Amino acid sequence: MMEIGMFTSGYQRYPLARVFEDAARLGYDYIELWGGRPHAYPPDLAAGDLGAVLELVERHGVPVGVYTPEHNAYPFNYMLGSERQRREALDYLKTAIEMGKALGAEYTLISAGHAGNTATPAEIRARLVDSLRELAAHAEKTGHQLLLETLTVYESNHCTTAGELAEVLDAVNSPCLFGMCDVVVPFTTGEPALDYLDKLGGRMRHLHLVDSDGASDAHLVPGEGRYPLAELLVELSQRGYTGRATIELVTAYMNEPTLYARRALEQLRRMMPQTGAKGGAANDA
């Protein structure tokens, strides 16, 4: 039975309490907590903000299923820049791993940002594998698990396909590192999303479900783009996928996050096979 989660970056103009209130009221099963200011930036959580988030979890009965720290853009990207900059990015993500564990999340989610235009494929691969081995070792020590997300070709120049993701997981070879699929990525690269199930097998642990125009990294409300989401959901159900799926609405919907969070959940659940959804339609306000 697939649980559906709310991604929180679109709520960054509101207090975090609003996120938990909406998630509970609208009928989301869990929160995928965006780790950026003003909400849940890893150093802020470590400095004392963690308790307030845990109190919201307890009060509203909505768990943090996945913790997704902001990175791959300013100022942290372990794939680009000097060794000092790489070390700072890794130290930041190690703090995020510790905070993901403390939040009670099942996973902390990371990705691999753009490696720049001058690095060779061999240099990119070595930097990626070395960095992920260090992060995975920290996750093992912490007793936590990591998800590695592929990015679109508009966001990164490596690890953008299911095959590349499988190769990286093989190279790192950690019991704490798993893969996932944001459906926008394969749709924009002309790859079937189901390749992630075929190529990752049991290491495929999470989904980002949104719609797509097929020509950009835009994340659209389900049913408002060109992606065949309803058919994908049938296939996932028939193949027995039981992992979580987050509706990853981001900053395009920041002006009305509550309204779009409601629409997205209602439209996605209407697409789901009867046996694939948890609960019924979203509750009325």
Protein backbone atom coordinates (compact mmCIF):
# COMPACT_ATOMS: atom_id res chain seq x y z
CA MET A 1 0.00 0.00 0.00
CA MET A 2 1.70 3.17 -1.21
CA GLU A 3 1.91 6.06 1.24
CA ILE A 4 1.74 9.58 -0.24
CA GLY A 5 3.86 12.37 1.20
CA MET A 6 3.95 16.16 1.07
CA PHE A 7 7.15 17.96 0.08
CA THR A 8 7.61 21.15 2.05
CA SER A 9 9.83 23.57 0.11
CA GLY A 10 6.81 25.33 -1.37
CA TYR A 11 5.80 26.38 2.15
CA GLN A 12 9.00 28.29 2.92
CA ARG A 13 7.12 31.61 3.23
CA TYR A 14 5.08 30.14 6.10
CA PRO A 15 6.03 28.76 9.52
CA LEU A 16 6.73 25.05 9.58
CA ALA A 17 3.66 24.56 11.77
CA ARG A 18 1.50 25.41 8.74
CA VAL A 19 3.05 22.48 6.85
CA PHE A 20 2.14 19.95 9.51
CA GLU A 21 -1.34 21.41 9.94
CA ASP A 22 -2.03 21.13 6.21
CA ALA A 23 -0.51 17.67 5.87
CA ALA A 24 -2.74 16.33 8.65
CA ARG A 25 -5.86 18.19 7.52
CA LEU A 26 -5.56 17.35 3.83
CA GLY A 27 -4.82 13.68 4.41
CA TYR A 28 -1.13 13.21 3.57
CA ASP A 29 0.49 10.14 5.10
CA TYR A 30 3.87 11.68 5.85
CA ILE A 31 6.08 14.68 5.22
CA GLU A 32 9.22 14.80 3.10
CA LEU A 33 10.93 17.59 4.99
CA TRP A 34 12.91 20.08 2.92
CA GLY A 35 16.09 20.95 4.80
CA GLY A 36 16.47 24.63 3.98
CA ARG A 37 15.94 27.86 5.85
CA PRO A 38 13.72 28.98 7.43
CA HIS A 39 12.42 25.48 8.25
CA ALA A 40 14.79 22.59 8.78
CA TYR A 41 18.32 23.57 7.73
CA PRO A 42 20.61 20.86 9.17
CA PRO A 43 22.89 23.17 11.22
CA ASP A 44 19.81 24.91 12.65
CA LEU A 45 18.31 21.58 13.71
CA ALA A 46 21.62 20.57 15.31
CA ALA A 47 21.82 23.94 17.12
CA GLY A 48 18.50 23.44 18.89
CA ASP A 49 15.60 23.59 16.41
CA LEU A 50 15.16 19.80 16.31
CA GLY A 51 12.91 19.70 19.36
CA ALA A 52 10.36 22.05 17.83
CA VAL A 53 10.04 19.87 14.73
CA LEU A 54 9.62 16.71 16.79
CA GLU A 55 6.91 18.47 18.78
CA LEU A 56 5.03 19.21 15.53
CA VAL A 57 5.32 15.55 14.51
CA GLU A 58 3.84 14.49 17.84
CA ARG A 59 1.10 17.11 17.87
CA HIS A 60 -0.20 16.45 14.36
CA GLY A 61 0.53 12.74 14.06
CA VAL A 62 2.30 13.14 10.72
CA PRO A 63 5.79 11.60 10.62
CA VAL A 64 8.82 12.86 8.74
CA GLY A 65 9.28 9.94 6.36
CA VAL A 66 12.17 11.43 4.37
CA TYR A 67 14.55 14.29 5.13
CA THR A 68 15.84 16.15 2.06
CA PRO A 69 18.54 18.71 2.87
CA GLU A 70 18.99 21.54 0.40
CA HIS A 71 22.21 21.06 -1.59
CA ASN A 72 23.65 20.98 -5.12
CA ALA A 73 23.19 24.72 -5.31
CA TYR A 74 24.72 27.61 -3.44
CA PRO A 75 26.63 27.09 -1.19
CA PHE A 76 26.94 23.27 -1.12
CA ASN A 77 27.74 20.94 -4.02
CA TYR A 78 30.19 18.13 -3.33
CA MET A 79 30.66 17.58 -7.08
CA LEU A 80 32.07 21.00 -7.95
CA GLY A 81 34.80 23.26 -6.66
CA SER A 82 37.96 22.84 -4.59
CA GLU A 83 38.71 20.05 -2.17
CA ARG A 84 37.97 22.43 0.70
CA GLN A 85 34.57 23.13 -0.80
CA ARG A 86 33.93 19.41 -1.23
CA ARG A 87 34.87 18.77 2.38
CA GLU A 88 32.50 21.49 3.58
CA ALA A 89 29.66 19.99 1.53
CA LEU A 90 30.33 16.51 2.91
CA ASP A 91 30.49 17.79 6.48
CA TYR A 92 27.18 19.57 5.92
CA LEU A 93 25.58 16.37 4.59
CA LYS A 94 26.97 14.35 7.51
CA THR A 95 25.12 16.74 9.81
CA ALA A 96 22.03 16.21 7.64
CA ILE A 97 22.35 12.44 8.03
CA GLU A 98 22.51 12.81 11.80
CA MET A 99 19.48 15.10 11.77
CA GLY A 100 17.55 12.75 9.49
CA LYS A 101 18.12 9.99 12.02
CA ALA A 102 17.10 12.26 14.90
CA LEU A 103 13.90 13.30 13.08
CA GLY A 104 12.86 9.66 12.86
CA ALA A 105 12.99 9.70 9.06
CA GLU A 106 13.51 6.40 7.30
CA TYR A 107 15.86 8.04 4.79
CA THR A 108 17.90 11.16 4.18
CA LEU A 109 17.77 12.00 0.47
CA ILE A 110 20.78 13.28 -1.47
CA SER A 111 21.65 13.77 -5.13
CA ALA A 112 24.68 14.58 -7.23
CA GLY A 113 24.87 18.13 -8.54
CA HIS A 114 26.49 19.41 -11.70
CA ALA A 115 30.21 18.60 -11.82
CA GLY A 116 31.15 21.53 -14.04
CA ASN A 117 32.06 21.75 -17.69
CA THR A 118 35.78 20.98 -17.48
CA ALA A 119 35.91 17.72 -15.51
CA THR A 120 36.43 14.50 -17.47
CA PRO A 121 34.03 11.54 -17.05
CA ALA A 122 36.72 9.67 -15.11
CA GLU A 123 37.24 12.62 -12.76
CA ILE A 124 33.49 12.98 -12.24
CA ARG A 125 33.04 9.29 -11.49
CA ALA A 126 35.96 9.19 -9.03
CA ARG A 127 34.76 12.26 -7.13
CA LEU A 128 31.19 10.96 -6.98
CA VAL A 129 32.08 7.46 -5.76
CA ASP A 130 34.62 8.73 -3.21
CA SER A 131 32.10 11.24 -1.83
CA LEU A 132 29.25 8.75 -1.64
CA ARG A 133 31.43 6.13 0.05
CA GLU A 134 32.26 8.63 2.76
CA LEU A 135 28.62 9.66 3.22
CA ALA A 136 27.43 6.04 3.21
CA ALA A 137 30.04 5.11 5.82
CA HIS A 138 28.75 7.93 8.01
CA ALA A 139 25.18 6.70 7.52
CA GLU A 140 26.25 3.19 8.55
CA LYS A 141 27.94 4.58 11.67
CA THR A 142 24.84 6.67 12.46
CA GLY A 143 22.42 3.80 11.88
CA HIS A 144 20.56 5.59 9.14
CA GLN A 145 19.82 5.08 5.42
CA LEU A 146 20.46 7.24 2.35
CA LEU A 147 18.55 7.68 -0.89
CA LEU A 148 20.43 8.79 -4.02
CA GLU A 149 18.22 10.63 -6.50
CA THR A 150 19.02 11.08 -10.17
CA LEU A 151 18.62 14.60 -11.53
CA THR A 152 17.51 15.88 -14.92
CA VAL A 153 20.03 16.84 -17.58
CA TYR A 154 18.98 20.44 -16.91
CA GLU A 155 20.38 20.10 -13.37
CA SER A 156 23.37 17.77 -13.63
CA ASN A 157 25.79 16.28 -16.14
CA HIS A 158 26.08 12.81 -14.60
CA CYS A 159 24.00 10.21 -12.74
CA THR A 160 20.89 11.14 -14.73
CA THR A 161 19.69 7.66 -15.75
CA ALA A 162 18.64 4.43 -14.04
CA GLY A 163 21.67 2.64 -15.47
CA GLU A 164 24.10 5.25 -14.16
CA LEU A 165 22.41 5.12 -10.78
CA ALA A 166 22.70 1.33 -10.64
CA GLU A 167 26.40 1.52 -11.55
CA VAL A 168 27.07 4.05 -8.79
CA LEU A 169 25.23 1.96 -6.20
CA ASP A 170 27.30 -1.05 -7.27
CA ALA A 171 30.54 0.92 -6.99
CA VAL A 172 29.77 2.31 -3.52
CA ASN A 173 28.40 -1.06 -2.35
CA SER A 174 26.91 0.10 0.94
CA PRO A 175 23.99 -1.55 2.77
CA CYS A 176 22.79 1.94 3.70
CA LEU A 177 22.63 3.49 0.21
CA PHE A 178 19.58 3.03 -2.02
CA GLY A 179 18.12 4.55 -5.19
CA MET A 180 14.93 6.35 -6.12
CA CYS A 181 13.15 7.88 -9.09
CA ASP A 182 11.70 11.31 -9.68
CA VAL A 183 9.50 10.63 -12.70
CA VAL A 184 10.42 13.97 -14.30
CA VAL A 185 13.96 12.67 -14.82
CA PRO A 186 13.24 9.68 -17.08
CA PHE A 187 10.45 11.51 -18.89
CA THR A 188 12.75 14.36 -19.93
CA THR A 189 15.56 11.99 -20.97
CA GLY A 190 13.35 9.60 -22.95
CA GLU A 191 13.84 6.72 -20.54
CA PRO A 192 11.04 4.55 -19.12
CA ALA A 193 10.48 5.15 -15.42
CA LEU A 194 9.97 1.42 -14.98
CA ASP A 195 13.65 0.96 -15.85
CA TYR A 196 14.36 2.04 -12.29
CA LEU A 197 12.49 -1.00 -10.98
CA ASP A 198 14.16 -3.27 -13.52
CA LYS A 199 17.70 -2.03 -12.96
CA LEU A 200 17.64 -1.31 -9.21
CA GLY A 201 15.48 -4.20 -8.04
CA GLY A 202 15.23 -4.14 -4.26
CA ARG A 203 17.39 -1.05 -4.08
CA MET A 204 14.57 1.04 -5.57
CA ARG A 205 13.05 2.55 -2.41
CA HIS A 206 11.28 5.85 -3.10
CA LEU A 207 9.44 7.94 -5.70
CA HIS A 208 8.79 11.57 -6.47
CA LEU A 209 5.46 11.69 -8.28
CA VAL A 210 4.53 14.85 -10.18
CA ASP A 211 3.59 15.70 -13.73
CA SER A 212 5.98 16.98 -16.39
CA ASP A 213 6.00 18.90 -19.65
CA GLY A 214 8.72 16.57 -20.93
CA ALA A 215 10.95 19.47 -21.96
CA SER A 216 12.18 21.02 -18.70
CA ASP A 217 12.77 20.22 -15.04
CA ALA A 218 9.37 21.74 -14.13
CA HIS A 219 7.42 19.78 -11.51
CA LEU A 220 3.69 20.10 -12.17
CA VAL A 221 0.55 19.15 -10.27
CA PRO A 222 -0.46 15.58 -11.22
CA GLY A 223 -2.80 15.62 -14.20
CA GLU A 224 -1.64 19.01 -15.48
CA GLY A 225 1.25 17.90 -17.69
CA ARG A 226 1.99 15.24 -20.26
CA TYR A 227 3.22 12.33 -18.16
CA PRO A 228 1.06 9.13 -18.08
CA LEU A 229 0.90 8.99 -14.30
CA ALA A 230 -2.30 6.93 -14.03
CA GLU A 231 -0.80 4.17 -16.15
CA LEU A 232 2.45 4.25 -14.17
CA LEU A 233 0.49 3.84 -10.94
CA VAL A 234 -1.23 0.75 -12.33
CA GLU A 235 2.14 -0.74 -13.29
CA LEU A 236 3.62 0.04 -9.87
CA SER A 237 0.67 -1.63 -8.17
CA GLN A 238 0.90 -4.71 -10.38
CA ARG A 239 4.64 -4.99 -9.76
CA GLY A 240 4.10 -4.79 -6.01
CA TYR A 241 5.90 -1.50 -5.34
CA THR A 242 5.26 -0.67 -1.67
CA GLY A 243 7.66 2.20 -1.07
CA ARG A 244 6.66 5.76 -0.36
CA ALA A 245 5.85 8.36 -3.01
CA THR A 246 6.17 12.09 -2.40
CA ILE A 247 4.27 14.66 -4.44
CA GLU A 248 7.25 16.93 -5.00
CA LEU A 249 5.73 20.33 -5.62
CA VAL A 250 8.43 22.95 -5.36
CA THR A 251 8.69 26.72 -5.68
CA ALA A 252 6.38 27.16 -8.68
CA TYR A 253 3.44 26.88 -6.30
CA MET A 254 4.75 29.01 -3.42
CA ASN A 255 2.01 31.64 -3.73
CA GLU A 256 -0.77 29.16 -2.81
CA PRO A 257 0.87 26.05 -1.31
CA THR A 258 -2.23 24.88 0.56
CA LEU A 259 -4.49 25.01 -2.48
CA TYR A 260 -2.06 23.19 -4.73
CA ALA A 261 -1.23 20.64 -2.04
CA ARG A 262 -4.94 19.82 -1.84
CA ARG A 263 -5.39 19.65 -5.62
CA ALA A 264 -2.27 17.55 -6.12
CA LEU A 265 -3.28 14.93 -3.55
CA GLU A 266 -6.87 14.70 -4.73
CA GLN A 267 -5.87 14.36 -8.38
CA LEU A 268 -3.16 11.80 -7.69
CA ARG A 269 -5.47 9.65 -5.58
CA ARG A 270 -8.10 9.68 -8.29
CA MET A 271 -5.49 8.14 -10.58
CA MET A 272 -4.47 5.40 -8.17
CA PRO A 273 -5.78 1.84 -8.46
CA GLN A 274 -8.26 1.00 -5.72
CA THR A 275 -5.75 -1.18 -3.92
CA GLY A 276 -2.91 1.33 -4.27
CA ALA A 277 -4.11 4.22 -2.14
CA LYS A 278 -4.08 4.57 1.62
CA GLY A 279 -7.26 6.13 2.89
CA GLY A 280 -9.83 8.02 0.86
CA ALA A 281 -9.99 11.44 -0.69
CA ALA A 282 -8.54 14.43 1.10
CA ASN A 283 -10.58 15.74 4.00
CA ASP A 284 -12.52 18.94 3.70
CA ALA A 285 -11.12 22.01 5.40
